[in-house]
C-alpha cells in the first residue's frame, strides 16, 4: 500500500499552484480587454492560462476573446 501512496503523491507534484492576481495584473488585463488583444497573446504576455484569464475577466465583468 505504501507504494500506491507514493505513486499518488507523484501525480500531485506536476500540478500548478494557484497564483493570486496583483492590482497591476488586473489593470493590465483591463487594458488588454479595452485594446481587444487576442486571449492567446495575453496568455503568453501574462504567463497565465487562457482559462485563468477568462475566469478573471468574467469575475471582473470584462470581455475577452475578441475576433478581428
N, C-alpha and C. Protein backbone atom coordinates (compact mmCIF):
# COMPACT_ATOMS: atom_id res chain seq x y z
N UNK A 1 0.80 -1.21 0.00
CA UNK A 1 0.00 0.00 0.00
C UNK A 1 0.84 1.27 0.00
N UNK A 2 1.98 1.23 0.65
CA UNK A 2 2.84 2.41 0.70
C UNK A 2 3.26 2.81 -0.71
N UNK A 3 3.47 1.83 -1.57
CA UNK A 3 3.85 2.10 -2.95
C UNK A 3 2.77 2.91 -3.66
N UNK A 4 1.52 2.55 -3.47
CA UNK A 4 0.42 3.26 -4.11
C UNK A 4 0.33 4.70 -3.63
N UNK A 5 0.58 4.93 -2.36
CA UNK A 5 0.53 6.30 -1.84
C UNK A 5 1.63 7.15 -2.45
N UNK A 6 2.82 6.57 -2.56
CA UNK A 6 3.92 7.31 -3.16
C UNK A 6 3.60 7.67 -4.60
N UNK A 7 3.02 6.73 -5.31
CA UNK A 7 2.68 6.97 -6.71
C UNK A 7 1.62 8.06 -6.83
N UNK A 8 0.67 8.07 -5.92
CA UNK A 8 -0.39 9.08 -5.95
C UNK A 8 0.18 10.47 -5.67
N UNK A 9 1.13 10.57 -4.76
CA UNK A 9 1.70 11.89 -4.46
C UNK A 9 2.55 12.39 -5.61
N UNK A 10 3.17 11.50 -6.36
CA UNK A 10 3.96 11.93 -7.51
C UNK A 10 3.07 12.61 -8.54
N UNK A 11 1.86 12.12 -8.71
CA UNK A 11 0.94 12.74 -9.66
C UNK A 11 0.61 14.16 -9.23
N UNK A 12 0.51 14.40 -7.95
CA UNK A 12 0.17 15.72 -7.44
C UNK A 12 1.31 16.72 -7.65
N UNK A 13 2.55 16.23 -7.73
CA UNK A 13 3.70 17.11 -7.87
C UNK A 13 3.66 17.92 -9.16
N UNK A 14 3.07 17.39 -10.22
CA UNK A 14 3.03 18.06 -11.51
C UNK A 14 2.00 19.17 -11.60
N UNK A 15 1.12 19.25 -10.64
CA UNK A 15 0.06 20.27 -10.70
C UNK A 15 0.61 21.64 -10.37
N UNK A 16 0.01 22.65 -10.96
CA UNK A 16 0.47 24.02 -10.74
C UNK A 16 -0.24 24.62 -9.54
N UNK A 17 0.46 25.52 -8.89
CA UNK A 17 -0.14 26.19 -7.74
C UNK A 17 -0.85 27.45 -8.20
N UNK A 18 -1.89 27.79 -7.49
CA UNK A 18 -2.67 28.98 -7.81
C UNK A 18 -1.88 30.23 -7.44
N UNK A 19 -1.87 31.20 -8.34
CA UNK A 19 -1.21 32.47 -8.06
C UNK A 19 -2.27 33.56 -7.96
N UNK A 20 -2.20 34.35 -6.90
CA UNK A 20 -3.14 35.45 -6.73
C UNK A 20 -2.87 36.53 -7.76
N UNK A 21 -3.90 37.30 -8.06
CA UNK A 21 -3.79 38.40 -9.02
C UNK A 21 -3.39 39.66 -8.27
N UNK A 22 -2.37 40.36 -8.78
CA UNK A 22 -1.98 41.64 -8.19
C UNK A 22 -2.81 42.75 -8.84
N UNK A 23 -2.81 43.91 -8.22
CA UNK A 23 -3.55 45.04 -8.79
C UNK A 23 -3.00 45.40 -10.16
N UNK A 24 -1.69 45.31 -10.31
CA UNK A 24 -1.06 45.64 -11.59
C UNK A 24 -1.51 44.67 -12.68
N UNK A 25 -1.61 43.39 -12.34
CA UNK A 25 -2.05 42.40 -13.33
C UNK A 25 -3.50 42.62 -13.73
N UNK A 26 -4.35 43.00 -12.78
CA UNK A 26 -5.75 43.28 -13.08
C UNK A 26 -5.85 44.49 -14.01
N UNK A 27 -5.04 45.53 -13.73
CA UNK A 27 -5.02 46.70 -14.60
C UNK A 27 -4.57 46.33 -16.01
N UNK A 28 -3.56 45.46 -16.09
CA UNK A 28 -3.05 45.01 -17.39
C UNK A 28 -4.13 44.24 -18.15
N UNK A 29 -4.87 43.39 -17.43
CA UNK A 29 -5.94 42.63 -18.07
C UNK A 29 -7.03 43.57 -18.58
N UNK A 30 -7.38 44.58 -17.80
CA UNK A 30 -8.37 45.56 -18.23
C UNK A 30 -7.90 46.29 -19.49
N UNK A 31 -6.62 46.66 -19.52
CA UNK A 31 -6.06 47.36 -20.69
C UNK A 31 -6.12 46.47 -21.93
N UNK A 32 -5.80 45.20 -21.77
CA UNK A 32 -5.86 44.26 -22.91
C UNK A 32 -7.29 44.08 -23.38
N UNK A 33 -8.24 44.10 -22.45
CA UNK A 33 -9.65 43.96 -22.83
C UNK A 33 -10.08 45.16 -23.66
N UNK A 34 -9.69 46.35 -23.23
CA UNK A 34 -10.03 47.57 -23.98
C UNK A 34 -9.35 47.59 -25.34
N UNK A 35 -8.11 47.09 -25.40
CA UNK A 35 -7.36 47.08 -26.65
C UNK A 35 -7.78 45.93 -27.57
N UNK A 36 -8.65 45.06 -27.07
CA UNK A 36 -9.13 43.90 -27.82
C UNK A 36 -8.00 42.97 -28.26
N UNK A 37 -7.06 42.76 -27.36
CA UNK A 37 -5.94 41.85 -27.60
C UNK A 37 -6.43 40.41 -27.57
N UNK A 38 -6.00 39.57 -28.52
CA UNK A 38 -6.41 38.15 -28.50
C UNK A 38 -5.96 37.44 -27.22
N UNK A 39 -6.78 36.53 -26.75
CA UNK A 39 -6.52 35.84 -25.48
C UNK A 39 -5.20 35.08 -25.52
N UNK A 40 -4.88 34.46 -26.64
CA UNK A 40 -3.64 33.69 -26.73
C UNK A 40 -2.43 34.59 -26.51
N UNK A 41 -2.47 35.79 -27.03
CA UNK A 41 -1.36 36.73 -26.85
C UNK A 41 -1.28 37.20 -25.40
N UNK A 42 -2.44 37.50 -24.80
CA UNK A 42 -2.46 37.92 -23.39
C UNK A 42 -1.88 36.80 -22.53
N UNK A 43 -2.25 35.56 -22.85
CA UNK A 43 -1.78 34.40 -22.10
C UNK A 43 -0.26 34.32 -22.11
N UNK A 44 0.34 34.51 -23.26
CA UNK A 44 1.80 34.48 -23.36
C UNK A 44 2.44 35.64 -22.60
N UNK A 45 1.86 36.83 -22.73
CA UNK A 45 2.43 38.01 -22.09
C UNK A 45 2.35 37.95 -20.57
N UNK A 46 1.22 37.46 -20.07
CA UNK A 46 0.99 37.46 -18.62
C UNK A 46 1.39 36.15 -17.95
N UNK A 47 1.78 35.17 -18.78
CA UNK A 47 2.17 33.84 -18.27
C UNK A 47 1.06 33.21 -17.41
N UNK A 48 -0.15 33.27 -17.96
CA UNK A 48 -1.31 32.64 -17.32
C UNK A 48 -2.07 31.87 -18.40
N UNK A 49 -2.82 30.87 -17.99
CA UNK A 49 -3.57 30.09 -18.96
C UNK A 49 -4.75 30.90 -19.49
N UNK A 50 -5.24 30.50 -20.65
CA UNK A 50 -6.40 31.20 -21.22
C UNK A 50 -7.61 31.02 -20.31
N UNK A 51 -7.72 29.86 -19.69
CA UNK A 51 -8.82 29.62 -18.76
C UNK A 51 -8.78 30.55 -17.56
N UNK A 52 -7.58 30.77 -17.02
CA UNK A 52 -7.42 31.68 -15.88
C UNK A 52 -7.79 33.10 -16.27
N UNK A 53 -7.38 33.49 -17.47
CA UNK A 53 -7.70 34.84 -17.96
C UNK A 53 -9.20 35.02 -18.14
N UNK A 54 -9.84 34.03 -18.73
CA UNK A 54 -11.28 34.12 -18.97
C UNK A 54 -12.06 34.15 -17.65
N UNK A 55 -11.62 33.33 -16.68
CA UNK A 55 -12.28 33.30 -15.38
C UNK A 55 -12.19 34.66 -14.68
N UNK A 56 -11.00 35.25 -14.71
CA UNK A 56 -10.81 36.54 -14.05
C UNK A 56 -11.59 37.63 -14.77
N UNK A 57 -11.56 37.60 -16.09
CA UNK A 57 -12.30 38.60 -16.87
C UNK A 57 -13.80 38.50 -16.57
N UNK A 58 -14.31 37.29 -16.47
CA UNK A 58 -15.72 37.09 -16.17
C UNK A 58 -16.04 37.66 -14.79
N UNK A 59 -15.16 37.40 -13.81
CA UNK A 59 -15.38 37.89 -12.44
C UNK A 59 -15.36 39.42 -12.39
N UNK A 60 -14.57 40.03 -13.28
CA UNK A 60 -14.47 41.49 -13.31
C UNK A 60 -15.50 42.14 -14.24
N UNK A 61 -16.22 41.32 -14.98
CA UNK A 61 -17.21 41.84 -15.92
C UNK A 61 -16.58 42.37 -17.20
N UNK A 62 -15.43 41.84 -17.56
CA UNK A 62 -14.73 42.25 -18.78
C UNK A 62 -15.02 41.27 -19.90
N UNK A 63 -14.83 41.72 -21.13
CA UNK A 63 -14.98 40.82 -22.26
C UNK A 63 -13.59 40.50 -22.81
N UNK A 64 -13.40 39.24 -23.14
CA UNK A 64 -12.14 38.79 -23.75
C UNK A 64 -12.47 37.90 -24.94
N UNK A 65 -11.47 37.64 -25.74
CA UNK A 65 -11.66 36.73 -26.86
C UNK A 65 -12.30 37.41 -28.05
N UNK A 66 -11.92 38.67 -28.29
CA UNK A 66 -12.47 39.41 -29.41
C UNK A 66 -11.94 38.83 -30.73
N UNK A 67 -12.78 38.81 -31.70
CA UNK A 67 -12.36 38.34 -33.02
C UNK A 67 -12.05 39.55 -33.88
N UNK A 68 -10.97 39.45 -34.68
CA UNK A 68 -10.58 40.55 -35.55
C UNK A 68 -11.05 40.30 -36.95
